[in-house]
PDB file of N, CA and C in Angstrom:
ATOM      1  N   MET A   1    -119.868  34.424  61.574  1.00  0.00           N
ATOM      2  CA  MET A   1    -119.483  35.087  60.339  1.00  0.00           C
ATOM      3  C   MET A   1    -119.393  34.044  59.230  1.00  0.00           C
ATOM      4  N   ALA A   2    -119.960  34.357  58.123  1.00  0.00           N
ATOM      5  CA  ALA A   2    -119.881  33.451  56.968  1.00  0.00           C
ATOM      6  C   ALA A   2    -118.532  33.647  56.284  1.00  0.00           C
ATOM      7  N   THR A   3    -118.218  32.749  55.385  1.00  0.00           N
ATOM      8  CA  THR A   3    -116.968  32.870  54.653  1.00  0.00           C
ATOM      9  C   THR A   3    -117.076  34.013  53.643  1.00  0.00           C
ATOM     10  N   VAL A   4    -115.917  34.561  53.269  1.00  0.00           N
ATOM     11  CA  VAL A   4    -115.876  35.622  52.270  1.00  0.00           C
ATOM     12  C   VAL A   4    -115.091  35.126  51.061  1.00  0.00           C
ATOM     13  N   ALA A   5    -115.513  35.564  49.892  1.00  0.00           N
ATOM     14  CA  ALA A   5    -114.779  35.238  48.669  1.00  0.00           C
ATOM     15  C   ALA A   5    -113.565  36.153  48.606  1.00  0.00           C
ATOM     16  N   VAL A   6    -112.392  35.571  48.519  1.00  0.00           N
ATOM     17  CA  VAL A   6    -111.151  36.342  48.499  1.00  0.00           C
ATOM     18  C   VAL A   6    -110.662  36.429  47.056  1.00  0.00           C
ATOM     19  N   THR A   7    -110.326  37.648  46.666  1.00  0.00           N
ATOM     20  CA  THR A   7    -109.827  37.905  45.315  1.00  0.00           C
ATOM     21  C   THR A   7    -108.515  38.679  45.428  1.00  0.00           C
ATOM     22  N   GLU A   8    -107.851  38.859  44.295  1.00  0.00           N
ATOM     23  CA  GLU A   8    -106.628  39.669  44.307  1.00  0.00           C
ATOM     24  C   GLU A   8    -106.938  41.091  44.758  1.00  0.00           C
ATOM     25  N   LYS A   9    -108.141  41.576  44.455  1.00  0.00           N
ATOM     26  CA  LYS A   9    -108.516  42.946  44.803  1.00  0.00           C
ATOM     27  C   LYS A   9    -108.699  43.141  46.304  1.00  0.00           C
ATOM     28  N   ASN A  10    -109.264  42.153  47.009  1.00  0.00           N
ATOM     29  CA  ASN A  10    -109.553  42.350  48.433  1.00  0.00           C
ATOM     30  C   ASN A  10    -108.600  41.590  49.357  1.00  0.00           C
ATOM     31  N   PHE A  11    -107.633  40.865  48.806  1.00  0.00           N
ATOM     32  CA  PHE A  11    -106.762  40.028  49.635  1.00  0.00           C
ATOM     33  C   PHE A  11    -106.032  40.833  50.703  1.00  0.00           C
ATOM     34  N   ASN A  12    -105.379  41.935  50.326  1.00  0.00           N
ATOM     35  CA  ASN A  12    -104.570  42.685  51.290  1.00  0.00           C
ATOM     36  C   ASN A  12    -105.386  43.247  52.438  1.00  0.00           C
ATOM     37  N   GLU A  13    -106.596  43.729  52.160  1.00  0.00           N
ATOM     38  CA  GLU A  13    -107.413  44.274  53.245  1.00  0.00           C
ATOM     39  C   GLU A  13    -107.926  43.171  54.167  1.00  0.00           C
ATOM     40  N   ILE A  14    -108.050  41.956  53.655  1.00  0.00           N
ATOM     41  CA  ILE A  14    -108.520  40.840  54.469  1.00  0.00           C
ATOM     42  C   ILE A  14    -107.391  40.241  55.303  1.00  0.00           C
ATOM     43  N   ALA A  15    -106.204  40.112  54.718  1.00  0.00           N
ATOM     44  CA  ALA A  15    -105.128  39.336  55.339  1.00  0.00           C
ATOM     45  C   ALA A  15    -104.146  40.147  56.177  1.00  0.00           C
ATOM     46  N   ASP A  16    -104.353  41.453  56.313  1.00  0.00           N
ATOM     47  CA  ASP A  16    -103.377  42.283  57.007  1.00  0.00           C
ATOM     48  C   ASP A  16    -103.330  42.110  58.519  1.00  0.00           C
ATOM     49  N   GLU A  17    -104.462  41.917  59.155  1.00  0.00           N
ATOM     50  CA  GLU A  17    -104.443  41.830  60.615  1.00  0.00           C
ATOM     51  C   GLU A  17    -105.412  40.785  61.128  1.00  0.00           C
ATOM     52  N   GLY A  18    -105.153  40.359  62.348  1.00  0.00           N
ATOM     53  CA  GLY A  18    -105.990  39.332  62.951  1.00  0.00           C
ATOM     54  C   GLY A  18    -105.679  37.964  62.377  1.00  0.00           C
ATOM     55  N   ILE A  19    -106.594  37.035  62.606  1.00  0.00           N
ATOM     56  CA  ILE A  19    -106.421  35.664  62.122  1.00  0.00           C
ATOM     57  C   ILE A  19    -107.311  35.461  60.901  1.00  0.00           C
ATOM     58  N   VAL A  20    -106.701  34.928  59.860  1.00  0.00           N
ATOM     59  CA  VAL A  20    -107.405  34.654  58.610  1.00  0.00           C
ATOM     60  C   VAL A  20    -107.132  33.203  58.229  1.00  0.00           C
ATOM     61  N   LEU A  21    -108.185  32.449  57.995  1.00  0.00           N
ATOM     62  CA  LEU A  21    -108.041  31.097  57.467  1.00  0.00           C
ATOM     63  C   LEU A  21    -108.514  31.120  56.025  1.00  0.00           C
ATOM     64  N   LEU A  22    -107.693  30.578  55.145  1.00  0.00           N
ATOM     65  CA  LEU A  22    -108.025  30.551  53.728  1.00  0.00           C
ATOM     66  C   LEU A  22    -108.184  29.122  53.255  1.00  0.00           C
ATOM     67  N   ASP A  23    -109.190  28.923  52.432  1.00  0.00           N
ATOM     68  CA  ASP A  23    -109.451  27.632  51.797  1.00  0.00           C
ATOM     69  C   ASP A  23    -109.265  27.828  50.300  1.00  0.00           C
ATOM     70  N   PHE A  24    -108.170  27.283  49.759  1.00  0.00           N
ATOM     71  CA  PHE A  24    -107.943  27.298  48.317  1.00  0.00           C
ATOM     72  C   PHE A  24    -108.695  26.101  47.742  1.00  0.00           C
ATOM     73  N   TRP A  25    -109.603  26.332  46.821  1.00  0.00           N
ATOM     74  CA  TRP A  25    -110.505  25.283  46.341  1.00  0.00           C
ATOM     75  C   TRP A  25    -110.859  25.505  44.874  1.00  0.00           C
ATOM     76  N   ALA A  26    -111.580  24.561  44.289  1.00  0.00           N
ATOM     77  CA  ALA A  26    -112.150  24.690  42.948  1.00  0.00           C
ATOM     78  C   ALA A  26    -113.438  23.870  42.890  1.00  0.00           C
ATOM     79  N   ASP A  27    -114.351  24.303  42.029  1.00  0.00           N
ATOM     80  CA  ASP A  27    -115.654  23.642  41.869  1.00  0.00           C
ATOM     81  C   ASP A  27    -115.543  22.163  41.506  1.00  0.00           C
ATOM     82  N   TRP A  28    -114.591  21.832  40.666  1.00  0.00           N
ATOM     83  CA  TRP A  28    -114.465  20.475  40.137  1.00  0.00           C
ATOM     84  C   TRP A  28    -113.790  19.515  41.117  1.00  0.00           C
ATOM     85  N   CYS A  29    -113.317  20.020  42.241  1.00  0.00           N
ATOM     86  CA  CYS A  29    -112.529  19.239  43.209  1.00  0.00           C
ATOM     87  C   CYS A  29    -113.451  18.580  44.243  1.00  0.00           C
ATOM     88  N   GLY A  30    -113.555  17.254  44.194  1.00  0.00           N
ATOM     89  CA  GLY A  30    -114.405  16.517  45.132  1.00  0.00           C
ATOM     90  C   GLY A  30    -114.038  16.744  46.595  1.00  0.00           C
ATOM     91  N   PRO A  31    -112.759  16.581  46.981  1.00  0.00           N
ATOM     92  CA  PRO A  31    -112.390  16.831  48.374  1.00  0.00           C
ATOM     93  C   PRO A  31    -112.684  18.271  48.805  1.00  0.00           C
ATOM     94  N   CYS A  32    -112.570  19.218  47.870  1.00  0.00           N
ATOM     95  CA  CYS A  32    -112.893  20.619  48.181  1.00  0.00           C
ATOM     96  C   CYS A  32    -114.369  20.762  48.540  1.00  0.00           C
ATOM     97  N   ARG A  33    -115.214  20.101  47.767  1.00  0.00           N
ATOM     98  CA  ARG A  33    -116.665  20.171  48.026  1.00  0.00           C
ATOM     99  C   ARG A  33    -117.010  19.497  49.351  1.00  0.00           C
ATOM    100  N   GLN A  34    -116.283  18.436  49.709  1.00  0.00           N
ATOM    101  CA  GLN A  34    -116.528  17.772  50.987  1.00  0.00           C
ATOM    102  C   GLN A  34    -116.069  18.641  52.160  1.00  0.00           C
ATOM    103  N   PHE A  35    -114.958  19.357  51.984  1.00  0.00           N
ATOM    104  CA  PHE A  35    -114.417  20.181  53.060  1.00  0.00           C
ATOM    105  C   PHE A  35    -115.201  21.479  53.233  1.00  0.00           C
ATOM    106  N   GLY A  36    -115.830  21.970  52.179  1.00  0.00           N
ATOM    107  CA  GLY A  36    -116.550  23.242  52.226  1.00  0.00           C
ATOM    108  C   GLY A  36    -117.488  23.395  53.417  1.00  0.00           C
ATOM    109  N   PRO A  37    -118.381  22.431  53.674  1.00  0.00           N
ATOM    110  CA  PRO A  37    -119.290  22.570  54.822  1.00  0.00           C
ATOM    111  C   PRO A  37    -118.567  22.581  56.178  1.00  0.00           C
ATOM    112  N   VAL A  38    -117.466  21.861  56.289  1.00  0.00           N
ATOM    113  CA  VAL A  38    -116.674  21.863  57.533  1.00  0.00           C
ATOM    114  C   VAL A  38    -116.107  23.263  57.764  1.00  0.00           C
ATOM    115  N   PHE A  39    -115.567  23.847  56.711  1.00  0.00           N
ATOM    116  CA  PHE A  39    -114.988  25.194  56.775  1.00  0.00           C
ATOM    117  C   PHE A  39    -116.065  26.219  57.115  1.00  0.00           C
ATOM    118  N   GLU A  40    -117.216  26.095  56.459  1.00  0.00           N
ATOM    119  CA  GLU A  40    -118.338  27.018  56.685  1.00  0.00           C
ATOM    120  C   GLU A  40    -118.836  26.935  58.131  1.00  0.00           C
ATOM    121  N   LYS A  41    -118.962  25.722  58.650  1.00  0.00           N
ATOM    122  CA  LYS A  41    -119.431  25.537  60.028  1.00  0.00           C
ATOM    123  C   LYS A  41    -118.453  26.166  61.021  1.00  0.00           C
ATOM    124  N   ALA A  42    -117.157  25.988  60.774  1.00  0.00           N
ATOM    125  CA  ALA A  42    -116.150  26.596  61.654  1.00  0.00           C
ATOM    126  C   ALA A  42    -116.231  28.121  61.592  1.00  0.00           C
ATOM    127  N   SER A  43    -116.545  28.669  60.407  1.00  0.00           N
ATOM    128  CA  SER A  43    -116.640  30.125  60.274  1.00  0.00           C
ATOM    129  C   SER A  43    -117.792  30.678  61.110  1.00  0.00           C
ATOM    130  N   GLU A  44    -118.848  29.902  61.240  1.00  0.00           N
ATOM    131  CA  GLU A  44    -119.993  30.329  62.045  1.00  0.00           C
ATOM    132  C   GLU A  44    -119.680  30.258  63.537  1.00  0.00           C
ATOM    133  N   LYS A  45    -118.786  29.361  63.905  1.00  0.00           N
ATOM    134  CA  LYS A  45    -118.432  29.153  65.317  1.00  0.00           C
ATOM    135  C   LYS A  45    -117.387  30.158  65.807  1.00  0.00           C
ATOM    136  N   HIS A  46    -116.550  30.660  64.902  1.00  0.00           N
ATOM    137  CA  HIS A  46    -115.432  31.530  65.287  1.00  0.00           C
ATOM    138  C   HIS A  46    -115.576  32.893  64.612  1.00  0.00           C
ATOM    139  N   GLY A  47    -116.427  33.733  65.179  1.00  0.00           N
ATOM    140  CA  GLY A  47    -116.683  35.058  64.619  1.00  0.00           C
ATOM    141  C   GLY A  47    -115.498  36.001  64.700  1.00  0.00           C
ATOM    142  N   ASP A  48    -114.494  35.649  65.514  1.00  0.00           N
ATOM    143  CA  ASP A  48    -113.313  36.501  65.661  1.00  0.00           C
ATOM    144  C   ASP A  48    -112.248  36.223  64.599  1.00  0.00           C
ATOM    145  N   ILE A  49    -112.515  35.282  63.702  1.00  0.00           N
ATOM    146  CA  ILE A  49    -111.570  34.895  62.657  1.00  0.00           C
ATOM    147  C   ILE A  49    -112.225  35.166  61.305  1.00  0.00           C
ATOM    148  N   THR A  50    -111.428  35.634  60.351  1.00  0.00           N
ATOM    149  CA  THR A  50    -111.919  35.798  58.990  1.00  0.00           C
ATOM    150  C   THR A  50    -111.676  34.490  58.239  1.00  0.00           C
ATOM    151  N   PHE A  51    -112.718  33.935  57.674  1.00  0.00           N
ATOM    152  CA  PHE A  51    -112.634  32.713  56.871  1.00  0.00           C
ATOM    153  C   PHE A  51    -112.840  33.102  55.416  1.00  0.00           C
ATOM    154  N   GLY A  52    -111.821  32.859  54.605  1.00  0.00           N
ATOM    155  CA  GLY A  52    -111.900  33.232  53.204  1.00  0.00           C
ATOM    156  C   GLY A  52    -111.744  32.033  52.292  1.00  0.00           C
ATOM    157  N   LYS A  53    -112.450  32.072  51.181  1.00  0.00           N
ATOM    158  CA  LYS A  53    -112.358  31.012  50.182  1.00  0.00           C
ATOM    159  C   LYS A  53    -111.773  31.606  48.906  1.00  0.00           C
ATOM    160  N   ILE A  54    -110.746  30.937  48.381  1.00  0.00           N
ATOM    161  CA  ILE A  54    -110.101  31.388  47.159  1.00  0.00           C
ATOM    162  C   ILE A  54    -110.325  30.331  46.085  1.00  0.00           C
ATOM    163  N   ASP A  55    -111.125  30.683  45.097  1.00  0.00           N
ATOM    164  CA  ASP A  55    -111.377  29.806  43.954  1.00  0.00           C
ATOM    165  C   ASP A  55    -110.124  29.845  43.080  1.00  0.00           C
ATOM    166  N   THR A  56    -109.374  28.750  43.056  1.00  0.00           N
ATOM    167  CA  THR A  56    -108.094  28.737  42.352  1.00  0.00           C
ATOM    168  C   THR A  56    -108.247  28.885  40.843  1.00  0.00           C
ATOM    169  N   ASP A  57    -109.399  28.553  40.295  1.00  0.00           N
ATOM    170  CA  ASP A  57    -109.626  28.752  38.864  1.00  0.00           C
ATOM    171  C   ASP A  57    -109.839  30.237  38.560  1.00  0.00           C
ATOM    172  N   ALA A  58    -110.638  30.899  39.370  1.00  0.00           N
ATOM    173  CA  ALA A  58    -110.944  32.319  39.152  1.00  0.00           C
ATOM    174  C   ALA A  58    -109.804  33.223  39.613  1.00  0.00           C
ATOM    175  N   GLU A  59    -109.061  32.788  40.615  1.00  0.00           N
ATOM    176  CA  GLU A  59    -107.985  33.605  41.194  1.00  0.00           C
ATOM    177  C   GLU A  59    -106.639  32.901  41.050  1.00  0.00           C
ATOM    178  N   SER A  60    -106.298  32.590  39.815  1.00  0.00           N
ATOM    179  CA  SER A  60    -105.059  31.839  39.558  1.00  0.00           C
ATOM    180  C   SER A  60    -103.821  32.621  39.997  1.00  0.00           C
ATOM    181  N   GLY A  61    -103.875  33.945  39.962  1.00  0.00           N
ATOM    182  CA  GLY A  61    -102.744  34.757  40.405  1.00  0.00           C
ATOM    183  C   GLY A  61    -102.427  34.538  41.877  1.00  0.00           C
ATOM    184  N   LEU A  62    -103.469  34.494  42.714  1.00  0.00           N
ATOM    185  CA  LEU A  62    -103.256  34.224  44.141  1.00  0.00           C
ATOM    186  C   LEU A  62    -102.737  32.808  44.350  1.00  0.00           C
ATOM    187  N   ALA A  63    -103.333  31.855  43.634  1.00  0.00           N
ATOM    188  CA  ALA A  63    -102.896  30.462  43.766  1.00  0.00           C
ATOM    189  C   ALA A  63    -101.431  30.318  43.364  1.00  0.00           C
ATOM    190  N   GLU A  64    -101.046  30.962  42.277  1.00  0.00           N
ATOM    191  CA  GLU A  64     -99.650  30.908  41.837  1.00  0.00           C
ATOM    192  C   GLU A  64     -98.739  31.625  42.826  1.00  0.00           C
ATOM    193  N   GLY A  65     -99.180  32.775  43.315  1.00  0.00           N
ATOM    194  CA  GLY A  65     -98.382  33.552  44.261  1.00  0.00           C
ATOM    195  C   GLY A  65     -98.065  32.782  45.535  1.00  0.00           C
ATOM    196  N   PHE A  66     -98.996  31.962  45.965  1.00  0.00           N
ATOM    197  CA  PHE A  66     -98.780  31.153  47.165  1.00  0.00           C
ATOM    198  C   PHE A  66     -98.297  29.743  46.831  1.00  0.00           C
ATOM    199  N   GLU A  67     -97.981  29.519  45.556  1.00  0.00           N
ATOM    200  CA  GLU A  67     -97.448  28.237  45.094  1.00  0.00           C
ATOM    201  C   GLU A  67     -98.360  27.064  45.483  1.00  0.00           C
ATOM    202  N   ILE A  68     -99.663  27.252  45.262  1.00  0.00           N
ATOM    203  CA  ILE A  68    -100.636  26.209  45.553  1.00  0.00           C
ATOM    204  C   ILE A  68    -100.559  25.174  44.436  1.00  0.00           C
ATOM    205  N   SER A  69    -100.199  23.950  44.787  1.00  0.00           N
ATOM    206  CA  SER A  69    -100.066  22.901  43.773  1.00  0.00           C
ATOM    207  C   SER A  69    -101.074  21.780  43.972  1.00  0.00           C
ATOM    208  N   SER A  70    -101.790  21.816  45.082  1.00  0.00           N
ATOM    209  CA  SER A  70    -102.776  20.783  45.386  1.00  0.00           C
ATOM    210  C   SER A  70    -103.921  21.434  46.145  1.00  0.00           C
ATOM    211  N   ILE A  71    -105.142  21.022  45.809  1.00  0.00           N
ATOM    212  CA  ILE A  71    -106.297  21.572  46.518  1.00  0.00           C
ATOM    213  C   ILE A  71    -107.152  20.434  47.053  1.00  0.00           C
ATOM    214  N   PRO A  72    -107.857  20.670  48.143  1.00  0.00           N
ATOM    215  CA  PRO A  72    -107.861  21.920  48.885  1.00  0.00           C
ATOM    216  C   PRO A  72    -106.539  22.128  49.634  1.00  0.00           C
ATOM    217  N   THR A  73    -106.184  23.394  49.794  1.00  0.00           N
ATOM    218  CA  THR A  73    -105.067  23.776  50.664  1.00  0.00           C
ATOM    219  C   THR A  73    -105.631  24.741  51.691  1.00  0.00           C
ATOM    220  N   ILE A  74    -105.288  24.498  52.944  1.00  0.00           N
ATOM    221  CA  ILE A  74    -105.706  25.379  54.036  1.00  0.00           C
ATOM    222  C   ILE A  74    -104.500  26.212  54.440  1.00  0.00           C
ATOM    223  N   MET A  75    -104.720  27.519  54.559  1.00  0.00           N
ATOM    224  CA  MET A  75    -103.654  28.426  54.963  1.00  0.00           C
ATOM    225  C   MET A  75    -104.151  29.273  56.126  1.00  0.00           C
ATOM    226  N   ALA A  76    -103.280  29.459  57.111  1.00  0.00           N
ATOM    227  CA  ALA A  76    -103.595  30.337  58.235  1.00  0.00           C
ATOM    228  C   ALA A  76    -102.624  31.507  58.203  1.00  0.00           C
ATOM    229  N   ILE A  77    -103.187  32.706  58.306  1.00  0.00           N
ATOM    230  CA  ILE A  77    -102.394  33.932  58.341  1.00  0.00           C
ATOM    231  C   ILE A  77    -102.754  34.645  59.634  1.00  0.00           C
ATOM    232  N   ARG A  78    -101.736  35.062  60.360  1.00  0.00           N
ATOM    233  CA  ARG A  78    -101.999  35.832  61.580  1.00  0.00           C
ATOM    234  C   ARG A  78    -101.159  37.090  61.532  1.00  0.00           C
ATOM    235  N   ASP A  79    -101.811  38.221  61.667  1.00  0.00           N
ATOM    236  CA  ASP A  79    -101.156  39.527  61.622  1.00  0.00           C
ATOM    237  C   ASP A  79    -100.293  39.684  60.374  1.00  0.00           C
ATOM    238  N   GLY A  80    -100.799  39.194  59.244  1.00  0.00           N
ATOM    239  CA  GLY A  80    -100.106  39.346  57.980  1.00  0.00           C
ATOM    240  C   GLY A  80     -98.998  38.342  57.720  1.00  0.00           C
ATOM    241  N   ILE A  81     -98.807  37.375  58.618  1.00  0.00           N
ATOM    242  CA  ILE A  81     -97.741  36.378  58.482  1.00  0.00           C
ATOM    243  C   ILE A  81     -98.375  35.005  58.266  1.00  0.00           C
ATOM    244  N   VAL A  82     -97.964  34.316  57.203  1.00  0.00           N
ATOM    245  CA  VAL A  82     -98.448  32.958  56.965  1.00  0.00           C
ATOM    246  C   VAL A  82     -97.823  32.048  58.022  1.00  0.00           C
ATOM    247  N   VAL A  83     -98.671  31.441  58.847  1.00  0.00           N
ATOM    248  CA  VAL A  83     -98.177  30.590  59.931  1.00  0.00           C
ATOM    249  C   VAL A  83     -98.483  29.116  59.694  1.00  0.00           C
ATOM    250  N   TYR A  84     -99.270  28.823  58.659  1.00  0.00           N
ATOM    251  CA  TYR A  84     -99.619  27.436  58.351  1.00  0.00           C
ATOM    252  C   TYR A  84    -100.100  27.374  56.914  1.00  0.00           C
ATOM    253  N   ALA A  85     -99.659  26.364  56.195  1.00  0.00           N
ATOM    254  CA  ALA A  85    -100.171  26.101  54.845  1.00  0.00           C
ATOM    255  C   ALA A  85     -99.965  24.627  54.560  1.00  0.00           C
ATOM    256  N   GLN A  86    -101.051  23.926  54.312  1.00  0.00           N
ATOM    257  CA  GLN A  86    -100.979  22.478  54.112  1.00  0.00           C
ATOM    258  C   GLN A  86    -102.093  22.047  53.164  1.00  0.00           C
ATOM    259  N   PRO A  87    -101.741  21.245  52.156  1.00  0.00           N
ATOM    260  CA  PRO A  87    -102.803  20.709  51.309  1.00  0.00           C
ATOM    261  C   PRO A  87    -103.565  19.596  52.018  1.00  0.00           C
ATOM    262  N   GLY A  88    -104.809  19.417  51.626  1.00  0.00           N
ATOM    263  CA  GLY A  88    -105.627  18.335  52.170  1.00  0.00           C
ATOM    264  C   GLY A  88    -106.801  18.852  52.969  1.00  0.00           C
ATOM    265  N   ALA A  89    -107.916  18.181  52.819  1.00  0.00           N
ATOM    266  CA  ALA A  89    -109.114  18.532  53.579  1.00  0.00           C
ATOM    267  C   ALA A  89    -108.944  18.055  55.018  1.00  0.00           C
ATOM    268  N   LEU A  90    -109.284  18.901  55.958  1.00  0.00           N
ATOM    269  CA  LEU A  90    -109.188  18.544  57.374  1.00  0.00           C
ATOM    270  C   LEU A  90    -110.552  18.134  57.907  1.00  0.00           C
ATOM    271  N   PRO A  91    -110.601  17.089  58.732  1.00  0.00           N
ATOM    272  CA  PRO A  91    -111.855  16.810  59.430  1.00  0.00           C
ATOM    273  C   PRO A  91    -112.100  17.915  60.466  1.00  0.00           C
ATOM    274  N   ALA A  92    -113.339  18.077  60.869  1.00  0.00           N
ATOM    275  CA  ALA A  92    -113.708  19.158  61.790  1.00  0.00           C
ATOM    276  C   ALA A  92    -112.832  19.216  63.044  1.00  0.00           C
ATOM    277  N   PRO A  93    -112.550  18.082  63.724  1.00  0.00           N
ATOM    278  CA  PRO A  93    -111.714  18.175  64.927  1.00  0.00           C
ATOM    279  C   PRO A  93    -110.300  18.695  64.628  1.00  0.00           C
ATOM    280  N   ALA A  94    -109.731  18.314  63.490  1.00  0.00           N
ATOM    281  CA  ALA A  94    -108.391  18.781  63.128  1.00  0.00           C
ATOM    282  C   ALA A  94    -108.407  20.280  62.809  1.00  0.00           C
ATOM    283  N   LEU A  95    -109.476  20.758  62.166  1.00  0.00           N
ATOM    284  CA  LEU A  95    -109.600  22.181  61.887  1.00  0.00           C
ATOM    285  C   LEU A  95    -109.718  22.967  63.188  1.00  0.00           C
ATOM    286  N   GLU A  96    -110.501  22.458  64.128  1.00  0.00           N
ATOM    287  CA  GLU A  96    -110.624  23.107  65.436  1.00  0.00           C
ATOM    288  C   GLU A  96    -109.280  23.147  66.158  1.00  0.00           C
ATOM    289  N   ASP A  97    -108.523  22.061  66.070  1.00  0.00           N
ATOM    290  CA  ASP A  97    -107.191  22.008  66.685  1.00  0.00           C
ATOM    291  C   ASP A  97    -106.276  23.048  66.049  1.00  0.00           C
ATOM    292  N   LEU A  98    -106.304  23.157  64.724  1.00  0.00           N
ATOM    293  CA  LEU A  98    -105.492  24.152  64.023  1.00  0.00           C
ATOM    294  C   LEU A  98    -105.865  25.557  64.483  1.00  0.00           C
ATOM    295  N   ILE A  99    -107.146  25.845  64.570  1.00  0.00           N
ATOM    296  CA  ILE A  99    -107.608  27.164  65.006  1.00  0.00           C
ATOM    297  C   ILE A  99    -107.072  27.469  66.406  1.00  0.00           C
ATOM    298  N   GLY A 100    -107.150  26.492  67.302  1.00  0.00           N
ATOM    299  CA  GLY A 100    -106.634  26.676  68.658  1.00  0.00           C
ATOM    300  C   GLY A 100    -105.142  26.951  68.663  1.00  0.00           C
ATOM    301  N   GLN A 101    -104.392  26.246  67.833  1.00  0.00           N
ATOM    302  CA  GLN A 101    -102.945  26.449  67.774  1.00  0.00           C
ATOM    303  C   GLN A 101    -102.590  27.831  67.219  1.00  0.00           C
ATOM    304  N   VAL A 102    -103.322  28.263  66.196  1.00  0.00           N
ATOM    305  CA  VAL A 102    -103.058  29.582  65.616  1.00  0.00           C
ATOM    306  C   VAL A 102    -103.378  30.679  66.632  1.00  0.00           C
ATOM    307  N   LYS A 103    -104.477  30.523  67.364  1.00  0.00           N
ATOM    308  CA  LYS A 103    -104.839  31.509  68.384  1.00  0.00           C
ATOM    309  C   LYS A 103    -103.787  31.572  69.496  1.00  0.00           C
ATOM    310  N   ALA A 104    -103.142  30.449  69.810  1.00  0.00           N
ATOM    311  CA  ALA A 104    -102.194  30.376  70.916  1.00  0.00           C
ATOM    312  C   ALA A 104    -100.778  30.841  70.547  1.00  0.00           C
ATOM    313  N   LEU A 105    -100.534  31.120  69.289  1.00  0.00           N
ATOM    314  CA  LEU A 105     -99.183  31.501  68.873  1.00  0.00           C
ATOM    315  C   LEU A 105     -98.705  32.770  69.565  1.00  0.00           C
ATOM    316  N   ASP A 106     -97.423  32.796  69.903  1.00  0.00           N
ATOM    317  CA  ASP A 106     -96.775  33.991  70.440  1.00  0.00           C
ATOM    318  C   ASP A 106     -96.225  34.762  69.240  1.00  0.00           C
ATOM    319  N   MET A 107     -96.991  35.730  68.767  1.00  0.00           N
ATOM    320  CA  MET A 107     -96.610  36.433  67.546  1.00  0.00           C
ATOM    321  C   MET A 107     -95.367  37.293  67.739  1.00  0.00           C
ATOM    322  N   ASP A 108     -95.120  37.792  68.943  1.00  0.00           N
ATOM    323  CA  ASP A 108     -93.884  38.550  69.176  1.00  0.00           C
ATOM    324  C   ASP A 108     -92.675  37.656  68.954  1.00  0.00           C
ATOM    325  N   ALA A 109     -92.742  36.407  69.426  1.00  0.00           N
ATOM    326  CA  ALA A 109     -91.642  35.461  69.229  1.00  0.00           C
ATOM    327  C   ALA A 109     -91.476  35.133  67.749  1.00  0.00           C
ATOM    328  N   ILE A 110     -92.575  34.984  67.033  1.00  0.00           N
ATOM    329  CA  ILE A 110     -92.505  34.680  65.599  1.00  0.00           C
ATOM    330  C   ILE A 110     -91.902  35.856  64.839  1.00  0.00           C
ATOM    331  N   ARG A 111     -92.322  37.072  65.159  1.00  0.00           N
ATOM    332  CA  ARG A 111     -91.754  38.247  64.492  1.00  0.00           C
ATOM    333  C   ARG A 111     -90.257  38.360  64.781  1.00  0.00           C
ATOM    334  N   ALA A 112     -89.858  38.082  66.016  1.00  0.00           N
ATOM    335  CA  ALA A 112     -88.429  38.130  66.375  1.00  0.00           C
ATOM    336  C   ALA A 112     -87.641  37.077  65.602  1.00  0.00           C
ATOM    337  N   GLU A 113     -88.216  35.886  65.467  1.00  0.00           N
ATOM    338  CA  GLU A 113     -87.563  34.812  64.724  1.00  0.00           C
ATOM    339  C   GLU A 113     -87.414  35.182  63.249  1.00  0.00           C
ATOM    340  N   LEU A 114     -88.470  35.750  62.663  1.00  0.00           N
ATOM    341  CA  LEU A 114     -88.405  36.175  61.261  1.00  0.00           C
ATOM    342  C   LEU A 114     -87.370  37.288  61.068  1.00  0.00           C
ATOM    343  N   ALA A 115     -87.311  38.223  62.007  1.00  0.00           N
ATOM    344  CA  ALA A 115     -86.330  39.307  61.924  1.00  0.00           C
ATOM    345  C   ALA A 115     -84.911  38.757  62.018  1.00  0.00           C
ATOM    346  N   ALA A 116     -84.699  37.777  62.888  1.00  0.00           N
ATOM    347  CA  ALA A 116     -83.371  37.171  63.030  1.00  0.00           C
ATOM    348  C   ALA A 116     -82.981  36.438  61.747  1.00  0.00           C
ATOM    349  N   GLU A 117     -83.921  35.731  61.137  1.00  0.00           N
ATOM    350  CA  GLU A 117     -83.646  35.035  59.878  1.00  0.00           C
ATOM    351  C   GLU A 117     -83.290  36.036  58.783  1.00  0.00           C
ATOM    352  N   LEU A 118     -84.045  37.115  58.707  1.00  0.00           N
ATOM    353  CA  LEU A 118     -83.791  38.137  57.698  1.00  0.00           C
ATOM    354  C   LEU A 118     -82.429  38.786  57.929  1.00  0.00           C
ATOM    355  N   ASP A 119     -82.110  39.063  59.183  1.00  0.00           N
ATOM    356  CA  ASP A 119     -80.824  39.657  59.537  1.00  0.00           C
ATOM    357  C   ASP A 119     -79.685  38.718  59.134  1.00  0.00           C
ATOM    358  N   GLY A 120     -79.850  37.420  59.405  1.00  0.00           N
ATOM    359  CA  GLY A 120     -78.840  36.427  59.038  1.00  0.00           C
ATOM    360  C   GLY A 120     -78.648  36.340  57.535  1.00  0.00           C
ATOM    361  N   GLU A 121     -79.739  36.423  56.779  1.00  0.00           N
ATOM    362  CA  GLU A 121     -79.655  36.399  55.319  1.00  0.00           C
ATOM    363  C   GLU A 121     -78.930  37.631  54.794  1.00  0.00           C
ATOM    364  N   GLN A 122     -79.221  38.789  55.383  1.00  0.00           N
ATOM    365  CA  GLN A 122     -78.574  40.021  54.953  1.00  0.00           C
ATOM    366  C   GLN A 122     -77.079  39.979  55.232  1.00  0.00           C
ATOM    367  N   LYS A 123     -76.680  39.407  56.380  1.00  0.00           N
ATOM    368  CA  LYS A 123     -75.245  39.308  56.721  1.00  0.00           C
ATOM    369  C   LYS A 123     -74.531  38.387  55.758  1.00  0.00           C
ATOM    370  N   GLN A 124     -75.208  37.296  55.331  1.00  0.00           N
ATOM    371  CA  GLN A 124     -74.597  36.372  54.391  1.00  0.00           C
ATOM    372  C   GLN A 124     -74.392  37.015  53.026  1.00  0.00           C
ATOM    373  N   GLN A 125     -75.288  37.914  52.651  1.00  0.00           N
ATOM    374  CA  GLN A 125     -75.191  38.561  51.344  1.00  0.00           C
ATOM    375  C   GLN A 125     -74.125  39.632  51.305  1.00  0.00           C
ATOM    376  N   SER A 126     -73.713  40.157  52.487  1.00  0.00           N
ATOM    377  CA  SER A 126     -72.719  41.224  52.487  1.00  0.00           C
ATOM    378  C   SER A 126     -71.311  40.715  52.420  1.00  0.00           C
TER     379      SER A 126
END
């Protein structure tokens, strides 16, 4: 699967389920241009994952919403939950390692942890 251009219009339908890797980038960014082929190659290897590219200049609302302050930034979303977000271009082996870690996550445990955190916050507010 090739990468898809992610916009504010299609973000929710792309990021709701499964594994989504996002590359926040811009044309003028040298490290972004170097990382692009690595990201594209991984997208061809992992057809079960959605690989999306977000042009931070064209989609400033998404970049601001995710508080992107440095590009490239790689973000992993699984089942609608952001499980990884880190600035910096990754070499191919590190990207493969990240993909393996995201695939191995116990999402039931993560959802339970998030629910417990939310419950704790609600108790503190009462």
